[in-house]
């Protein structure tokens, strides 16, 4: 059989016009700050978690078991969440003064890790 210019051989040797795409773009998971109600990427927020034993702590990895609530890494958002009771409602627990002070210290340390350095 005689080959022509329209055969598949010629098309294989030509560079393809279709470029490979890197794949679908994944959207970043969004979470809402319980104090100021702004939605931001999950990695920009700090998770406060109530463990099954009832202990409150700041969870930087975001994987600790228990009920969690997200806050901006800003001391103002923590104060607003404590004053208005939004953090206590989200975690379904009463927050006493000693625990609030400990959360302030832990959130300040977490804010240094979460904020991009300039």
C-alpha atoms as a PDB file:
ATOM      1  CA  UNK A   1       0.000   0.000   0.000  1.00  0.00           C
ATOM      2  CA  UNK A   2       1.232   3.399  -0.915  1.00  0.00           C
ATOM      3  CA  UNK A   3       1.676   5.964   1.852  1.00  0.00           C
ATOM      4  CA  UNK A   4       0.392   9.476   1.392  1.00  0.00           C
ATOM      5  CA  UNK A   5       0.906  12.747   3.176  1.00  0.00           C
ATOM      6  CA  UNK A   6      -2.353  12.111   4.987  1.00  0.00           C
ATOM      7  CA  UNK A   7      -1.203   8.903   6.582  1.00  0.00           C
ATOM      8  CA  UNK A   8      -0.816   8.569  10.327  1.00  0.00           C
ATOM      9  CA  UNK A   9       2.976   8.368  10.006  1.00  0.00           C
ATOM     10  CA  UNK A  10       3.255  12.048   9.111  1.00  0.00           C
ATOM     11  CA  UNK A  11       1.019  13.118  11.979  1.00  0.00           C
ATOM     12  CA  UNK A  12       3.081  11.174  14.520  1.00  0.00           C
ATOM     13  CA  UNK A  13       6.295  12.910  13.574  1.00  0.00           C
ATOM     14  CA  UNK A  14       4.805  16.409  13.909  1.00  0.00           C
ATOM     15  CA  UNK A  15       4.914  18.024  17.349  1.00  0.00           C
ATOM     16  CA  UNK A  16       1.505  17.963  18.912  1.00  0.00           C
ATOM     17  CA  UNK A  17      -0.336  21.231  19.213  1.00  0.00           C
ATOM     18  CA  UNK A  18      -2.008  20.170  22.448  1.00  0.00           C
ATOM     19  CA  UNK A  19       0.114  20.902  25.504  1.00  0.00           C
ATOM     20  CA  UNK A  20      -0.183  18.803  28.600  1.00  0.00           C
ATOM     21  CA  UNK A  21      -1.896  20.578  31.447  1.00  0.00           C
ATOM     22  CA  UNK A  22      -0.562  20.042  34.963  1.00  0.00           C
ATOM     23  CA  UNK A  23      -3.957  18.815  36.162  1.00  0.00           C
ATOM     24  CA  UNK A  24      -6.903  20.367  37.886  1.00  0.00           C
ATOM     25  CA  UNK A  25      -6.225  23.245  40.231  1.00  0.00           C
ATOM     26  CA  UNK A  26      -7.166  22.270  43.768  1.00  0.00           C
ATOM     27  CA  UNK A  27      -8.955  24.855  45.813  1.00  0.00           C
ATOM     28  CA  UNK A  28      -7.639  25.615  49.276  1.00  0.00           C
ATOM     29  CA  UNK A  29      -9.857  24.569  52.167  1.00  0.00           C
ATOM     30  CA  UNK A  30     -11.575  27.594  53.686  1.00  0.00           C
ATOM     31  CA  UNK A  31     -12.493  28.083  57.340  1.00  0.00           C
ATOM     32  CA  UNK A  32     -14.266  30.909  59.160  1.00  0.00           C
ATOM     33  CA  UNK A  33     -12.904  32.731  62.194  1.00  0.00           C
ATOM     34  CA  UNK A  34     -15.444  32.345  65.010  1.00  0.00           C
ATOM     35  CA  UNK A  35     -14.750  35.872  66.289  1.00  0.00           C
ATOM     36  CA  UNK A  36     -14.708  38.119  63.196  1.00  0.00           C
ATOM     37  CA  UNK A  37     -16.557  35.712  60.835  1.00  0.00           C
ATOM     38  CA  UNK A  38     -14.123  36.181  57.940  1.00  0.00           C
ATOM     39  CA  UNK A  39     -13.417  33.192  55.714  1.00  0.00           C
ATOM     40  CA  UNK A  40      -9.746  32.560  55.040  1.00  0.00           C
ATOM     41  CA  UNK A  41      -7.586  29.642  53.925  1.00  0.00           C
ATOM     42  CA  UNK A  42      -7.309  27.009  56.642  1.00  0.00           C
ATOM     43  CA  UNK A  43      -3.538  27.375  56.903  1.00  0.00           C
ATOM     44  CA  UNK A  44      -3.822  31.073  57.789  1.00  0.00           C
ATOM     45  CA  UNK A  45      -6.025  30.383  60.819  1.00  0.00           C
ATOM     46  CA  UNK A  46      -5.253  28.783  64.170  1.00  0.00           C
ATOM     47  CA  UNK A  47      -7.370  25.924  65.487  1.00  0.00           C
ATOM     48  CA  UNK A  48      -8.378  25.850  69.136  1.00  0.00           C
ATOM     49  CA  UNK A  49      -9.479  22.368  70.145  1.00  0.00           C
ATOM     50  CA  UNK A  50     -11.388  20.916  73.083  1.00  0.00           C
ATOM     51  CA  UNK A  51     -10.089  17.401  73.645  1.00  0.00           C
ATOM     52  CA  UNK A  52     -12.457  14.574  74.581  1.00  0.00           C
ATOM     53  CA  UNK A  53     -11.189  15.017  78.170  1.00  0.00           C
ATOM     54  CA  UNK A  54     -12.359  18.681  78.127  1.00  0.00           C
ATOM     55  CA  UNK A  55      -8.889  20.276  77.907  1.00  0.00           C
ATOM     56  CA  UNK A  56      -8.495  23.365  75.659  1.00  0.00           C
ATOM     57  CA  UNK A  57      -5.357  23.877  73.588  1.00  0.00           C
ATOM     58  CA  UNK A  58      -4.082  25.460  70.381  1.00  0.00           C
ATOM     59  CA  UNK A  59      -3.650  22.888  67.602  1.00  0.00           C
ATOM     60  CA  UNK A  60      -1.214  24.052  64.925  1.00  0.00           C
ATOM     61  CA  UNK A  61      -1.324  20.826  62.906  1.00  0.00           C
ATOM     62  CA  UNK A  62      -5.126  20.858  62.743  1.00  0.00           C
ATOM     63  CA  UNK A  63      -5.352  17.125  63.350  1.00  0.00           C
ATOM     64  CA  UNK A  64      -5.886  16.792  67.102  1.00  0.00           C
ATOM     65  CA  UNK A  65      -8.999  14.868  68.043  1.00  0.00           C
ATOM     66  CA  UNK A  66     -11.818  16.818  69.595  1.00  0.00           C
ATOM     67  CA  UNK A  67     -14.106  19.716  68.815  1.00  0.00           C
ATOM     68  CA  UNK A  68     -12.314  22.577  67.087  1.00  0.00           C
ATOM     69  CA  UNK A  69     -12.865  26.232  66.307  1.00  0.00           C
ATOM     70  CA  UNK A  70     -10.758  28.478  64.086  1.00  0.00           C
ATOM     71  CA  UNK A  71      -9.416  31.930  64.973  1.00  0.00           C
ATOM     72  CA  UNK A  72      -7.324  34.517  63.169  1.00  0.00           C
ATOM     73  CA  UNK A  73      -3.779  34.550  64.591  1.00  0.00           C
ATOM     74  CA  UNK A  74      -4.539  37.976  66.020  1.00  0.00           C
ATOM     75  CA  UNK A  75      -4.873  38.660  69.762  1.00  0.00           C
ATOM     76  CA  UNK A  76      -7.837  40.926  69.003  1.00  0.00           C
ATOM     77  CA  UNK A  77      -9.828  38.038  67.548  1.00  0.00           C
ATOM     78  CA  UNK A  78      -9.134  35.889  70.608  1.00  0.00           C
ATOM     79  CA  UNK A  79     -10.241  38.711  72.913  1.00  0.00           C
ATOM     80  CA  UNK A  80     -13.369  39.276  70.863  1.00  0.00           C
ATOM     81  CA  UNK A  81     -14.132  35.547  70.817  1.00  0.00           C
ATOM     82  CA  UNK A  82     -13.738  35.356  74.596  1.00  0.00           C
ATOM     83  CA  UNK A  83     -15.671  38.561  75.357  1.00  0.00           C
ATOM     84  CA  UNK A  84     -18.630  37.806  73.095  1.00  0.00           C
ATOM     85  CA  UNK A  85     -18.655  34.109  73.983  1.00  0.00           C
ATOM     86  CA  UNK A  86     -18.281  32.962  70.366  1.00  0.00           C
ATOM     87  CA  UNK A  87     -15.320  30.721  71.182  1.00  0.00           C
ATOM     88  CA  UNK A  88     -17.099  29.138  74.157  1.00  0.00           C
ATOM     89  CA  UNK A  89     -20.208  28.490  72.035  1.00  0.00           C
ATOM     90  CA  UNK A  90     -18.207  26.977  69.195  1.00  0.00           C
ATOM     91  CA  UNK A  91     -16.332  24.662  71.558  1.00  0.00           C
ATOM     92  CA  UNK A  92     -19.401  23.978  73.709  1.00  0.00           C
ATOM     93  CA  UNK A  93     -17.540  24.639  76.974  1.00  0.00           C
ATOM     94  CA  UNK A  94     -17.241  27.390  79.588  1.00  0.00           C
ATOM     95  CA  UNK A  95     -13.851  29.132  79.483  1.00  0.00           C
ATOM     96  CA  UNK A  96     -12.543  30.334  82.843  1.00  0.00           C
ATOM     97  CA  UNK A  97      -9.943  33.079  83.392  1.00  0.00           C
ATOM     98  CA  UNK A  98      -6.960  30.766  83.840  1.00  0.00           C
ATOM     99  CA  UNK A  99      -7.748  28.881  80.644  1.00  0.00           C
ATOM    100  CA  UNK A 100      -8.252  32.151  78.759  1.00  0.00           C
ATOM    101  CA  UNK A 101      -4.819  33.377  79.919  1.00  0.00           C
ATOM    102  CA  UNK A 102      -3.206  30.123  78.787  1.00  0.00           C
ATOM    103  CA  UNK A 103      -4.937  30.397  75.405  1.00  0.00           C
ATOM    104  CA  UNK A 104      -3.613  33.957  75.020  1.00  0.00           C
ATOM    105  CA  UNK A 105      -0.045  32.724  75.521  1.00  0.00           C
ATOM    106  CA  UNK A 106      -0.483  29.748  73.181  1.00  0.00           C
ATOM    107  CA  UNK A 107      -2.146  31.877  70.512  1.00  0.00           C
ATOM    108  CA  UNK A 108       0.663  34.451  70.671  1.00  0.00           C
ATOM    109  CA  UNK A 109       3.195  31.672  70.059  1.00  0.00           C
ATOM    110  CA  UNK A 110       1.071  30.233  67.237  1.00  0.00           C
ATOM    111  CA  UNK A 111       0.690  33.675  65.635  1.00  0.00           C
ATOM    112  CA  UNK A 112       4.464  33.894  65.204  1.00  0.00           C
ATOM    113  CA  UNK A 113       4.397  30.649  63.204  1.00  0.00           C
ATOM    114  CA  UNK A 114       1.296  31.474  61.123  1.00  0.00           C
ATOM    115  CA  UNK A 115       2.161  35.000  60.053  1.00  0.00           C
ATOM    116  CA  UNK A 116       4.379  35.198  57.005  1.00  0.00           C
ATOM    117  CA  UNK A 117       7.676  36.850  57.819  1.00  0.00           C
ATOM    118  CA  UNK A 118       8.363  40.027  55.865  1.00  0.00           C
END
